[in-house]
N, C-alpha and C. Protein backbone atom coordinates (compact mmCIF):
# COMPACT_ATOMS: atom_id res chain seq x y z
N UNK A 1 -12.28 -2.63 25.15
CA UNK A 1 -11.90 -2.80 23.76
C UNK A 1 -12.96 -3.28 22.72
N UNK A 2 -12.85 -2.70 21.75
CA UNK A 2 -13.73 -3.05 20.50
C UNK A 2 -13.03 -4.35 19.65
N UNK A 3 -13.84 -5.24 19.13
CA UNK A 3 -13.10 -6.01 18.10
C UNK A 3 -13.12 -5.38 16.63
N UNK A 4 -11.85 -5.14 15.92
CA UNK A 4 -11.71 -4.76 14.72
C UNK A 4 -11.79 -5.88 13.79
N UNK A 5 -12.50 -5.63 12.68
CA UNK A 5 -12.45 -6.59 11.83
C UNK A 5 -12.34 -5.89 10.25
N UNK A 6 -11.76 -6.73 9.43
CA UNK A 6 -11.68 -6.30 7.97
C UNK A 6 -12.85 -6.88 7.12
N UNK A 7 -13.78 -5.86 6.84
CA UNK A 7 -15.07 -6.27 6.10
C UNK A 7 -14.90 -6.25 4.48
N UNK A 8 -13.91 -5.45 4.11
CA UNK A 8 -13.76 -5.86 2.47
C UNK A 8 -12.16 -5.29 2.06
N UNK A 9 -11.78 -5.82 1.04
CA UNK A 9 -10.49 -5.49 0.53
C UNK A 9 -10.57 -5.33 -1.09
N UNK A 10 -9.46 -4.44 -1.62
CA UNK A 10 -9.48 -4.35 -2.90
C UNK A 10 -8.10 -3.95 -3.29
N UNK A 11 -7.56 -4.02 -4.45
CA UNK A 11 -6.25 -4.00 -5.02
C UNK A 11 -6.33 -3.59 -6.36
N UNK A 12 -5.40 -3.09 -6.96
CA UNK A 12 -5.01 -3.11 -8.50
C UNK A 12 -4.08 -4.34 -8.65
N UNK A 13 -4.16 -4.56 -9.99
CA UNK A 13 -3.14 -5.42 -10.56
C UNK A 13 -1.70 -4.84 -10.37
N UNK A 14 -0.86 -5.60 -10.45
CA UNK A 14 0.70 -5.16 -10.17
C UNK A 14 1.35 -5.23 -11.73
N UNK A 15 1.91 -3.97 -12.25
CA UNK A 15 2.17 -3.81 -13.25
C UNK A 15 3.86 -3.81 -13.43
N UNK A 16 4.48 -3.90 -14.42
CA UNK A 16 5.91 -3.69 -14.68
C UNK A 16 6.23 -2.53 -14.39
N UNK A 17 7.34 -2.08 -13.59
CA UNK A 17 7.85 -0.85 -13.46
C UNK A 17 8.55 -0.25 -14.63
N UNK A 18 7.95 1.02 -15.09
CA UNK A 18 8.48 1.77 -16.30
C UNK A 18 8.16 1.15 -17.52
N UNK A 19 7.24 0.31 -17.56
CA UNK A 19 6.69 -0.47 -18.78
C UNK A 19 5.20 -0.79 -18.48
N UNK A 20 4.44 -1.22 -19.27
CA UNK A 20 3.28 -1.67 -18.88
C UNK A 20 2.19 -0.42 -19.06
N UNK A 21 0.79 -0.80 -18.88
CA UNK A 21 -0.17 0.18 -18.88
C UNK A 21 -0.40 0.84 -17.73
N UNK A 22 0.09 0.80 -16.62
CA UNK A 22 -0.03 1.54 -15.29
C UNK A 22 1.16 2.49 -14.94
N UNK A 23 2.12 2.54 -15.74
CA UNK A 23 3.34 3.19 -15.68
C UNK A 23 3.43 4.66 -15.47
N UNK A 24 2.13 5.40 -16.06
CA UNK A 24 1.81 6.97 -15.98
C UNK A 24 0.81 7.06 -15.36
N UNK A 25 0.10 6.21 -14.33
CA UNK A 25 -0.97 6.39 -13.60
C UNK A 25 -0.61 7.23 -12.26
N UNK A 26 -1.19 8.37 -12.01
CA UNK A 26 -0.90 9.44 -10.85
C UNK A 26 -1.19 8.44 -9.72
N UNK A 27 -0.26 8.88 -8.77
CA UNK A 27 -0.60 7.97 -7.50
C UNK A 27 -1.99 8.08 -6.92
N UNK A 28 -2.46 9.27 -6.96
CA UNK A 28 -4.02 9.54 -6.33
C UNK A 28 -4.88 8.76 -6.89
N UNK A 29 -4.86 8.70 -8.48
CA UNK A 29 -5.79 8.00 -9.06
C UNK A 29 -5.67 6.58 -8.97
N UNK A 30 -4.43 5.83 -8.79
CA UNK A 30 -4.02 4.54 -8.42
C UNK A 30 -4.69 4.21 -7.06
N UNK A 31 -4.55 4.98 -6.09
CA UNK A 31 -4.95 4.50 -4.78
C UNK A 31 -6.50 4.71 -4.74
N UNK A 32 -7.08 5.57 -5.32
CA UNK A 32 -8.51 5.98 -5.36
C UNK A 32 -9.04 4.97 -5.93
N UNK A 33 -8.70 4.30 -6.90
CA UNK A 33 -9.43 3.07 -7.55
C UNK A 33 -9.61 2.01 -6.52
N UNK A 34 -8.59 1.66 -5.73
CA UNK A 34 -8.72 0.62 -4.57
C UNK A 34 -9.58 1.08 -3.57
N UNK A 35 -9.30 2.22 -3.07
CA UNK A 35 -10.35 2.73 -2.05
C UNK A 35 -11.58 2.73 -2.34
N UNK A 36 -12.03 3.31 -3.69
CA UNK A 36 -13.51 3.37 -4.02
C UNK A 36 -14.00 1.93 -3.96
N UNK A 37 -13.43 0.93 -4.61
CA UNK A 37 -13.75 -0.46 -4.42
C UNK A 37 -14.04 -1.05 -3.20
N UNK A 38 -12.94 -0.71 -2.33
CA UNK A 38 -12.99 -1.33 -0.94
C UNK A 38 -14.37 -0.82 -0.22
N UNK A 39 -14.39 0.43 -0.30
CA UNK A 39 -15.90 1.27 0.26
C UNK A 39 -16.95 0.66 -0.13
N UNK A 40 -17.10 0.43 -1.66
CA UNK A 40 -18.38 -0.09 -2.28
C UNK A 40 -18.59 -1.55 -1.94
N UNK A 41 -17.58 -2.20 -1.46
CA UNK A 41 -17.66 -3.92 -1.24
C UNK A 41 -18.11 -4.06 0.27
N UNK A 42 -17.67 -2.76 1.08
CA UNK A 42 -18.05 -2.91 2.32
C UNK A 42 -19.38 -2.54 2.60
N UNK A 43 -20.21 -2.03 1.77
CA UNK A 43 -21.50 -1.59 1.80
C UNK A 43 -21.72 -0.47 2.72
N UNK A 44 -20.86 0.81 2.72
CA UNK A 44 -20.79 1.84 3.60
C UNK A 44 -20.92 2.97 2.74
N UNK A 45 -21.65 3.95 3.22
CA UNK A 45 -21.43 5.25 2.57
C UNK A 45 -20.49 6.05 2.79
N UNK A 46 -19.57 6.77 1.77
CA UNK A 46 -18.57 7.38 1.96
C UNK A 46 -18.45 8.31 3.23
N UNK A 47 -19.56 8.85 3.60
CA UNK A 47 -19.71 9.89 4.74
C UNK A 47 -19.30 9.24 6.01
N UNK A 48 -19.66 7.83 5.89
CA UNK A 48 -19.50 7.00 7.21
C UNK A 48 -17.88 6.76 7.52
N UNK A 49 -16.94 6.91 6.45
CA UNK A 49 -15.73 6.69 6.91
C UNK A 49 -15.12 7.67 7.93
N UNK A 50 -14.59 7.18 8.74
CA UNK A 50 -13.77 8.28 9.84
C UNK A 50 -12.61 8.75 9.50
N UNK A 51 -11.78 7.77 8.84
CA UNK A 51 -10.46 7.99 8.50
C UNK A 51 -10.04 7.29 7.33
N UNK A 52 -9.12 8.06 6.67
CA UNK A 52 -8.34 7.26 5.53
C UNK A 52 -6.75 7.36 5.91
N UNK A 53 -6.08 5.91 5.97
CA UNK A 53 -4.99 6.06 6.31
C UNK A 53 -4.18 5.18 5.12
N UNK A 54 -3.27 5.98 4.50
CA UNK A 54 -2.52 5.54 3.23
C UNK A 54 -1.05 5.49 3.34
N UNK A 55 -0.49 4.53 3.06
CA UNK A 55 1.06 4.66 3.05
C UNK A 55 1.68 4.89 1.76
N UNK A 56 2.17 6.07 1.61
CA UNK A 56 3.08 6.49 0.42
C UNK A 56 4.36 6.26 0.64
N UNK A 57 4.99 5.40 -0.31
CA UNK A 57 6.44 5.29 -0.24
C UNK A 57 7.11 4.82 -1.52
N UNK A 58 8.29 5.68 -1.69
CA UNK A 58 8.53 6.92 -0.96
C UNK A 58 7.56 7.99 -1.09
N UNK A 59 7.78 8.79 -0.18
CA UNK A 59 6.63 9.83 0.09
C UNK A 59 7.16 11.11 -0.67
N UNK A 60 7.20 11.09 -1.93
CA UNK A 60 7.52 12.28 -2.78
C UNK A 60 7.04 12.19 -4.17
N UNK A 61 6.81 13.15 -4.94
CA UNK A 61 6.24 13.15 -6.28
C UNK A 61 5.15 12.77 -6.33
N UNK A 62 4.59 11.88 -7.09
CA UNK A 62 3.26 11.63 -7.34
C UNK A 62 2.66 10.78 -6.18
N UNK A 63 3.43 10.32 -5.37
CA UNK A 63 2.94 9.81 -3.90
C UNK A 63 3.44 10.54 -2.84
N UNK A 64 3.53 11.82 -2.91
CA UNK A 64 4.22 12.82 -2.08
C UNK A 64 2.90 13.63 -1.37
N UNK A 65 3.22 14.70 -0.67
CA UNK A 65 2.34 15.58 0.17
C UNK A 65 1.57 14.46 0.97
N UNK A 66 0.32 14.80 1.41
CA UNK A 66 -0.56 14.04 1.96
C UNK A 66 -1.43 13.33 1.00
N UNK A 67 -0.59 12.14 0.59
CA UNK A 67 -1.34 11.70 -0.64
C UNK A 67 -2.62 10.81 -0.03
N UNK A 68 -2.67 10.42 1.20
CA UNK A 68 -3.86 9.82 1.63
C UNK A 68 -5.10 10.78 1.51
N UNK A 69 -4.93 12.22 1.69
CA UNK A 69 -6.06 12.89 1.50
C UNK A 69 -6.40 12.90 0.25
N UNK A 70 -5.37 13.11 -0.66
CA UNK A 70 -5.65 13.02 -2.09
C UNK A 70 -6.35 11.91 -2.67
N UNK A 71 -6.08 10.86 -2.09
CA UNK A 71 -6.71 9.42 -2.54
C UNK A 71 -8.25 9.51 -2.19
N UNK A 72 -8.32 9.77 -0.79
CA UNK A 72 -9.85 10.00 -0.40
C UNK A 72 -10.76 10.96 -1.32
N UNK A 73 -10.25 12.04 -1.60
CA UNK A 73 -10.80 13.22 -2.42
C UNK A 73 -11.20 12.33 -3.71
N UNK A 74 -9.92 11.61 -4.34
CA UNK A 74 -10.15 11.37 -5.67
C UNK A 74 -10.98 9.94 -5.64
N UNK A 75 -11.46 9.37 -4.62
CA UNK A 75 -12.19 8.19 -4.68
C UNK A 75 -13.61 8.77 -4.30
N UNK A 76 -13.77 9.97 -4.35
CA UNK A 76 -15.33 10.60 -4.10
C UNK A 76 -15.98 10.45 -2.73
N UNK A 77 -14.89 10.28 -1.76
CA UNK A 77 -15.19 10.49 -0.39
C UNK A 77 -15.56 12.08 -0.01
N UNK A 78 -16.26 12.18 0.78
CA UNK A 78 -16.65 13.71 1.24
C UNK A 78 -15.47 14.48 1.76
N UNK A 79 -15.44 15.84 1.49
CA UNK A 79 -14.26 16.66 2.05
C UNK A 79 -14.23 16.61 3.65
N UNK A 80 -15.07 15.89 4.24
CA UNK A 80 -15.30 15.82 5.71
C UNK A 80 -14.26 14.65 6.27
N UNK A 81 -14.14 13.72 5.20
CA UNK A 81 -13.17 12.57 5.67
C UNK A 81 -11.75 13.03 5.69
N UNK A 82 -10.96 12.77 6.67
CA UNK A 82 -9.55 13.13 6.60
C UNK A 82 -8.78 12.05 6.12
N UNK A 83 -7.60 12.26 5.99
CA UNK A 83 -6.57 11.41 5.51
C UNK A 83 -5.06 11.50 5.97
N UNK A 84 -4.46 10.46 6.51
CA UNK A 84 -3.05 10.65 7.08
C UNK A 84 -2.22 9.68 6.38
N UNK A 85 -0.99 10.11 5.99
CA UNK A 85 0.24 9.30 5.28
C UNK A 85 0.93 8.87 6.18
N UNK A 86 1.29 7.57 5.94
CA UNK A 86 2.08 6.85 6.65
C UNK A 86 3.40 6.29 5.79
N UNK A 87 4.74 6.16 6.40
CA UNK A 87 5.73 5.66 5.74
C UNK A 87 6.79 4.74 6.47
N UNK A 88 6.53 3.56 6.29
CA UNK A 88 7.48 2.74 6.72
C UNK A 88 8.07 1.71 5.67
N UNK A 89 8.16 2.32 4.65
CA UNK A 89 8.56 1.53 3.43
C UNK A 89 8.06 0.22 3.20
N UNK A 90 8.75 -0.87 3.21
CA UNK A 90 8.34 -2.26 2.61
C UNK A 90 7.10 -2.77 3.39
N UNK A 91 6.85 -2.18 4.79
CA UNK A 91 5.75 -2.70 5.63
C UNK A 91 4.76 -1.54 5.90
N UNK A 92 4.84 -0.52 4.94
CA UNK A 92 3.96 0.69 4.88
C UNK A 92 2.28 0.09 5.10
N UNK A 93 2.09 -0.60 3.94
CA UNK A 93 0.70 -1.10 3.93
C UNK A 93 0.16 -1.75 5.02
N UNK A 94 1.01 -2.80 5.66
CA UNK A 94 0.77 -3.45 6.80
C UNK A 94 0.54 -2.62 8.16
N UNK A 95 1.48 -1.71 7.95
CA UNK A 95 1.30 -0.48 9.33
C UNK A 95 0.10 0.12 9.30
N UNK A 96 -0.36 0.51 7.99
CA UNK A 96 -1.62 1.29 8.21
C UNK A 96 -2.77 0.54 8.53
N UNK A 97 -2.79 -0.77 8.31
CA UNK A 97 -3.84 -1.65 8.81
C UNK A 97 -3.91 -1.72 10.12
N UNK A 98 -2.60 -2.03 10.82
CA UNK A 98 -2.64 -2.02 12.32
C UNK A 98 -2.93 -0.86 12.67
N UNK A 99 -2.71 0.50 12.26
CA UNK A 99 -3.10 1.83 12.87
C UNK A 99 -4.65 1.84 12.89
N UNK A 100 -5.25 1.36 11.78
CA UNK A 100 -6.68 1.19 11.65
C UNK A 100 -7.02 0.45 12.69
N UNK A 101 -6.65 -0.63 12.80
CA UNK A 101 -7.32 -1.56 13.71
C UNK A 101 -7.10 -0.91 15.25
N UNK A 102 -6.08 -0.26 15.54
CA UNK A 102 -5.74 0.23 16.72
C UNK A 102 -6.98 1.43 16.95
N UNK A 103 -7.34 2.11 15.82
CA UNK A 103 -8.26 3.20 16.05
C UNK A 103 -9.61 2.67 16.38
N UNK A 104 -10.01 1.49 15.58
CA UNK A 104 -11.11 0.96 15.95
C UNK A 104 -11.39 0.20 17.35
N UNK A 105 -10.53 -0.46 17.73
CA UNK A 105 -10.26 -1.28 18.92
C UNK A 105 -10.23 -0.41 20.03
N UNK A 106 -9.76 0.90 20.12
CA UNK A 106 -9.70 1.81 21.06
C UNK A 106 -11.00 2.66 20.87
N UNK A 107 -11.78 2.50 20.00
CA UNK A 107 -13.24 3.27 20.13
C UNK A 107 -12.92 4.66 19.64
N UNK A 108 -11.69 5.12 19.02
CA UNK A 108 -11.58 6.38 18.30
C UNK A 108 -12.45 6.62 17.20
N UNK A 109 -12.42 5.36 16.37
CA UNK A 109 -13.28 5.58 15.31
C UNK A 109 -13.84 4.26 15.02
N UNK A 110 -14.98 4.44 13.96
CA UNK A 110 -15.66 3.15 13.84
C UNK A 110 -15.50 2.52 12.45
N UNK A 111 -15.09 3.28 11.50
CA UNK A 111 -14.84 2.78 10.07
C UNK A 111 -13.69 3.43 9.54
N UNK A 112 -12.60 2.78 9.29
CA UNK A 112 -11.24 3.33 8.84
C UNK A 112 -10.83 2.62 7.50
N UNK A 113 -10.50 3.30 6.57
CA UNK A 113 -9.80 2.72 5.20
C UNK A 113 -8.48 2.68 5.42
N UNK A 114 -7.65 1.64 5.02
CA UNK A 114 -6.11 1.49 5.10
C UNK A 114 -5.52 0.90 3.98
N UNK A 115 -4.52 1.31 3.60
CA UNK A 115 -3.82 0.51 2.50
C UNK A 115 -2.50 1.24 2.01
N UNK A 116 -1.70 0.48 1.33
CA UNK A 116 -0.55 1.07 0.80
C UNK A 116 -0.61 1.32 -0.56
N UNK A 117 0.54 2.23 -0.94
CA UNK A 117 0.38 2.71 -2.37
C UNK A 117 2.14 3.06 -2.94
N UNK A 118 2.24 2.58 -3.94
CA UNK A 118 3.76 2.91 -4.45
C UNK A 118 3.75 3.02 -5.95
N UNK A 119 4.34 4.04 -6.48
CA UNK A 119 4.67 3.88 -7.95
C UNK A 119 6.32 4.26 -8.27
N UNK A 120 6.66 2.98 -8.64
CA UNK A 120 8.10 2.80 -8.82
C UNK A 120 8.45 3.81 -10.06
N UNK A 121 7.57 3.43 -11.15
CA UNK A 121 7.65 4.16 -12.51
C UNK A 121 7.87 5.58 -12.33
N UNK A 122 7.08 6.16 -11.55
CA UNK A 122 6.92 7.76 -11.48
C UNK A 122 7.69 8.55 -10.21
N UNK A 123 8.31 7.56 -9.46
CA UNK A 123 8.95 8.02 -8.13
C UNK A 123 10.60 7.81 -8.25
N UNK A 124 10.74 6.49 -8.49
CA UNK A 124 12.22 5.89 -8.45
C UNK A 124 12.75 6.03 -9.80
N UNK A 125 13.05 7.13 -10.22
CA UNK A 125 13.35 7.62 -11.51
C UNK A 125 14.58 8.75 -11.66
N UNK A 126 15.01 9.07 -12.80
CA UNK A 126 15.91 10.32 -12.60
C UNK A 126 15.32 11.52 -11.97
N UNK A 127 14.28 11.63 -11.82
CA UNK A 127 13.56 12.71 -11.12
C UNK A 127 13.56 12.65 -9.67
N UNK A 128 13.93 11.53 -9.10
CA UNK A 128 13.83 11.45 -7.63
C UNK A 128 14.76 12.54 -6.91
N UNK A 129 14.12 13.04 -5.71
CA UNK A 129 14.95 13.93 -5.00
C UNK A 129 15.82 13.20 -4.18
N UNK A 130 17.26 13.41 -4.36
CA UNK A 130 18.30 12.79 -3.70
C UNK A 130 19.21 13.73 -2.94
N UNK A 131 18.77 15.04 -2.97
CA UNK A 131 19.47 16.23 -2.68
C UNK A 131 19.52 16.17 -1.06
N UNK A 132 20.76 16.04 -0.60
CA UNK A 132 20.96 16.02 0.91
C UNK A 132 20.38 14.73 1.60
N UNK A 133 20.36 13.75 0.73
CA UNK A 133 19.49 12.57 1.35
C UNK A 133 20.00 11.89 2.56
N UNK A 134 21.53 11.73 2.45
CA UNK A 134 22.35 11.11 3.57
C UNK A 134 22.91 12.02 4.51
N UNK A 135 22.64 11.87 5.72
CA UNK A 135 23.32 12.53 6.92
C UNK A 135 24.49 12.09 7.16
N UNK A 136 25.53 13.17 6.99
CA UNK A 136 26.96 12.73 7.17
C UNK A 136 27.28 11.72 8.37
N UNK A 137 26.91 12.15 9.38
CA UNK A 137 26.93 11.26 10.86
C UNK A 137 26.50 9.72 10.37
N UNK A 138 25.17 9.70 9.96
CA UNK A 138 24.73 8.41 9.83
C UNK A 138 25.52 7.65 9.15
N UNK A 139 25.91 8.12 7.70
CA UNK A 139 26.71 7.62 6.72
C UNK A 139 27.80 6.89 7.16
N UNK A 140 28.47 7.71 8.13
CA UNK A 140 30.06 7.23 8.72
C UNK A 140 29.41 6.27 9.74
N UNK A 141 28.58 6.41 10.74
CA UNK A 141 28.40 5.48 11.78
C UNK A 141 27.29 4.18 11.52
N UNK A 142 26.35 4.64 10.95
CA UNK A 142 25.30 3.58 10.60
C UNK A 142 25.02 3.53 9.15
N UNK A 143 25.84 3.49 8.24
CA UNK A 143 25.80 3.33 6.73
C UNK A 143 24.56 2.40 6.41
N UNK A 144 24.46 1.29 7.23
CA UNK A 144 23.32 0.37 6.81
C UNK A 144 22.01 0.86 6.72
N UNK A 145 21.66 1.94 7.33
CA UNK A 145 20.30 2.56 7.31
C UNK A 145 20.01 3.00 5.82
N UNK A 146 20.87 3.25 4.94
CA UNK A 146 20.83 3.63 3.59
C UNK A 146 20.66 2.56 2.72
N UNK A 147 21.02 1.18 2.92
CA UNK A 147 20.81 0.20 2.21
C UNK A 147 19.59 -0.08 1.46
N UNK A 148 19.51 -0.53 0.28
CA UNK A 148 18.25 -0.91 -0.46
C UNK A 148 17.50 -1.96 0.21
N UNK A 149 16.30 -2.43 -0.29
CA UNK A 149 15.73 -3.50 -0.06
C UNK A 149 16.43 -4.63 -0.44
N UNK A 150 16.96 -4.61 -1.66
CA UNK A 150 17.70 -5.80 -2.07
C UNK A 150 18.85 -6.12 -1.27
N UNK A 151 19.50 -5.00 -0.75
CA UNK A 151 20.89 -5.38 0.04
C UNK A 151 20.48 -5.70 1.31
N UNK A 152 19.40 -5.32 1.70
CA UNK A 152 18.84 -5.82 3.21
C UNK A 152 18.57 -7.34 3.20
N UNK A 153 17.74 -7.66 2.01
CA UNK A 153 17.39 -9.12 1.84
C UNK A 153 18.49 -10.03 1.93
N UNK A 154 19.68 -9.54 1.15
CA UNK A 154 20.80 -10.35 1.08
C UNK A 154 21.49 -10.42 2.36
N UNK A 155 21.58 -9.44 3.17
CA UNK A 155 22.06 -9.65 4.60
C UNK A 155 21.40 -10.49 5.49
N UNK A 156 19.84 -10.40 5.35
CA UNK A 156 19.06 -11.26 6.10
C UNK A 156 19.29 -12.72 5.79
N UNK A 157 19.21 -12.98 4.41
CA UNK A 157 19.50 -14.45 3.85
C UNK A 157 20.83 -14.96 4.35
N UNK A 158 21.88 -14.31 4.46
CA UNK A 158 23.05 -14.77 4.92
C UNK A 158 23.30 -14.94 6.38
N UNK A 159 22.46 -14.05 7.05
CA UNK A 159 22.61 -13.94 8.59
C UNK A 159 21.92 -15.22 9.11
N UNK A 160 20.54 -15.60 8.47
CA UNK A 160 19.82 -16.73 8.86
C UNK A 160 19.78 -17.79 8.08
N UNK A 161 20.84 -18.01 7.24
CA UNK A 161 21.10 -19.36 6.42
C UNK A 161 19.87 -19.49 5.41
N UNK A 162 19.45 -18.44 4.87
CA UNK A 162 18.12 -18.76 3.85
C UNK A 162 18.84 -18.76 2.52
N UNK A 163 18.63 -20.14 2.11
CA UNK A 163 19.06 -20.12 0.43
C UNK A 163 18.36 -19.60 -0.54
N UNK A 164 18.99 -19.56 -1.88
CA UNK A 164 18.05 -19.33 -2.86
C UNK A 164 16.96 -19.91 -3.02
N UNK A 165 16.90 -21.26 -3.17
CA UNK A 165 15.86 -21.99 -3.49
C UNK A 165 14.61 -21.75 -2.60
N UNK A 166 14.65 -21.74 -1.33
CA UNK A 166 13.43 -21.51 -0.45
C UNK A 166 12.95 -20.05 -0.63
N UNK A 167 13.96 -19.31 -1.10
CA UNK A 167 13.31 -17.78 -1.23
C UNK A 167 12.70 -17.83 -2.53
N UNK A 168 13.16 -18.66 -3.43
CA UNK A 168 12.24 -18.60 -4.81
C UNK A 168 10.95 -19.42 -4.69
N UNK A 169 11.09 -20.58 -3.87
CA UNK A 169 9.90 -21.53 -3.95
C UNK A 169 8.76 -20.81 -3.15
N UNK A 170 8.95 -20.26 -1.98
CA UNK A 170 7.74 -19.72 -1.28
C UNK A 170 6.92 -18.64 -1.91
N UNK A 171 7.49 -17.70 -2.65
CA UNK A 171 6.62 -16.80 -3.44
C UNK A 171 6.08 -17.60 -4.67
N UNK A 172 6.61 -18.63 -5.05
CA UNK A 172 6.06 -19.39 -6.23
C UNK A 172 4.98 -20.11 -5.76
N UNK A 173 5.14 -20.70 -4.60
CA UNK A 173 3.66 -21.47 -4.10
C UNK A 173 2.64 -20.57 -3.80
N UNK A 174 3.05 -19.34 -3.30
CA UNK A 174 1.81 -18.32 -2.93
C UNK A 174 1.29 -17.86 -4.26
N UNK A 175 1.94 -17.82 -5.38
CA UNK A 175 1.24 -17.12 -6.38
C UNK A 175 0.70 -18.32 -7.42
N UNK A 176 1.15 -19.56 -7.08
CA UNK A 176 0.81 -20.50 -8.11
C UNK A 176 -0.84 -20.77 -8.32
N UNK A 177 -1.56 -20.64 -7.30
CA UNK A 177 -3.08 -20.70 -7.06
C UNK A 177 -3.69 -19.88 -7.94
N UNK A 178 -3.01 -18.47 -8.03
CA UNK A 178 -3.91 -17.64 -8.89
C UNK A 178 -3.43 -17.53 -10.37
N UNK A 179 -2.36 -18.29 -10.84
CA UNK A 179 -1.92 -18.13 -12.19
C UNK A 179 -3.20 -18.82 -13.17
N UNK A 180 -3.52 -20.06 -12.83
CA UNK A 180 -4.58 -20.52 -13.80
C UNK A 180 -5.79 -19.72 -13.71
N UNK A 181 -6.33 -18.89 -12.55
CA UNK A 181 -7.44 -17.95 -12.72
C UNK A 181 -7.19 -16.88 -13.69
N UNK A 182 -5.91 -16.43 -13.59
CA UNK A 182 -5.61 -15.26 -14.32
C UNK A 182 -5.63 -15.70 -16.01
N UNK A 183 -4.93 -16.81 -16.27
CA UNK A 183 -4.98 -17.47 -17.74
C UNK A 183 -6.44 -17.46 -18.09
N UNK A 184 -7.45 -17.89 -17.10
CA UNK A 184 -8.89 -18.15 -17.57
C UNK A 184 -9.63 -16.70 -17.59
N UNK A 185 -8.79 -15.72 -17.26
CA UNK A 185 -9.40 -14.04 -17.36
C UNK A 185 -10.24 -13.84 -16.34
N UNK A 186 -10.28 -14.49 -15.10
CA UNK A 186 -11.00 -14.31 -13.97
C UNK A 186 -10.05 -13.53 -13.02
N UNK A 187 -10.76 -12.61 -12.56
CA UNK A 187 -9.89 -11.76 -11.50
C UNK A 187 -10.20 -12.29 -10.01
N UNK A 188 -9.09 -11.99 -9.03
CA UNK A 188 -9.10 -12.57 -8.02
C UNK A 188 -10.24 -11.99 -7.19
N UNK A 189 -10.70 -12.45 -6.01
CA UNK A 189 -11.49 -11.62 -5.11
C UNK A 189 -11.25 -10.40 -4.62
N UNK A 190 -9.99 -10.02 -4.55
CA UNK A 190 -9.60 -8.84 -4.06
C UNK A 190 -9.34 -7.68 -5.03
N UNK A 191 -9.02 -8.50 -6.34
CA UNK A 191 -8.65 -7.49 -7.36
C UNK A 191 -10.00 -6.72 -8.18
N UNK A 192 -9.85 -5.21 -8.13
CA UNK A 192 -10.51 -4.65 -8.74
C UNK A 192 -10.56 -4.36 -10.36
N UNK A 193 -11.01 -5.10 -11.20
CA UNK A 193 -10.76 -5.38 -12.45
C UNK A 193 -10.95 -3.89 -13.47
N UNK A 194 -11.55 -3.03 -13.10
CA UNK A 194 -11.82 -1.97 -14.17
C UNK A 194 -10.79 -0.86 -13.94
N UNK A 195 -10.16 -0.17 -15.01
CA UNK A 195 -9.13 0.82 -15.04
C UNK A 195 -9.59 2.01 -14.27
N UNK A 196 -8.55 2.79 -13.91
CA UNK A 196 -7.16 2.28 -13.97
C UNK A 196 -6.97 1.28 -12.89
N UNK A 197 -6.41 -0.03 -13.49
CA UNK A 197 -6.44 -1.08 -12.62
C UNK A 197 -5.41 -0.67 -11.43
N UNK A 198 -1.45 -0.80 -5.66
CA UNK A 198 -1.72 -0.57 -4.40
C UNK A 198 -2.91 -0.96 -3.91
N UNK A 199 -3.16 -1.21 -3.19
CA UNK A 199 -4.07 -2.04 -2.26
C UNK A 199 -4.94 -1.34 -1.15
N UNK A 200 -5.99 -1.60 -0.75
CA UNK A 200 -6.71 -0.88 0.21
C UNK A 200 -7.57 -1.86 1.09
N UNK A 201 -8.00 -1.65 2.35
CA UNK A 201 -9.12 -2.43 3.10
C UNK A 201 -9.69 -1.46 4.01
N UNK A 202 -10.90 -1.78 4.15
CA UNK A 202 -11.70 -1.29 5.07
C UNK A 202 -12.04 -1.78 6.25
N UNK A 203 -11.60 -1.22 7.46
CA UNK A 203 -11.77 -2.08 8.82
C UNK A 203 -13.16 -1.33 9.61
N UNK A 204 -13.92 -1.98 10.36
CA UNK A 204 -14.73 -1.30 10.94
C UNK A 204 -15.04 -2.26 12.25
N UNK A 205 -15.80 -1.46 13.21
CA UNK A 205 -15.99 -2.22 14.63
C UNK A 205 -16.71 -3.27 14.39
N UNK A 206 -16.57 -4.42 14.95
CA UNK A 206 -17.53 -5.57 14.98
C UNK A 206 -18.80 -5.41 15.74
N UNK A 207 -19.91 -5.92 15.25
CA UNK A 207 -21.30 -5.51 15.91
C UNK A 207 -21.28 -6.20 17.44
């Protein structure tokens, strides 16, 4: 088994859904911005990348088809670099990194780009395809599968006794250290500041 390491990361700023500067940025352009920055920071040539794994969620519209392949080409990687799209909804980005690590650890590939991508503004709107979205049997016997993320969070909070205050304090503490830097106009080490400002990482085999 080989050791897989993350050698660089990049992301775009998070904007307000349906408002703000990024709400009409195509999924391919959004993802490509992060991928191009991650590859550059890794110090590798694009032709060295063995695979690009991108999570597109939901996988339709601007983040549909094989969005990973679109992102790879849009990021300037050679046409010889393949791409595969993954969808595990809220854990999609984490899943792509796990898959990249597995590829590297097993020796299947040496350098893999992985990341998550979502555009609420351009996908989760009045144009979203909901035709025959719910299977009748599942709707009757397993209706919870169609619950939204917010509904699921409420069920988990009630089941495990997680109150409102700790749910609010945890993300507040996590983001607290970055707020002063943003106020000073400094970007975080992971953020790629140039426009169009989805996250991406580059994994490679350890020497």
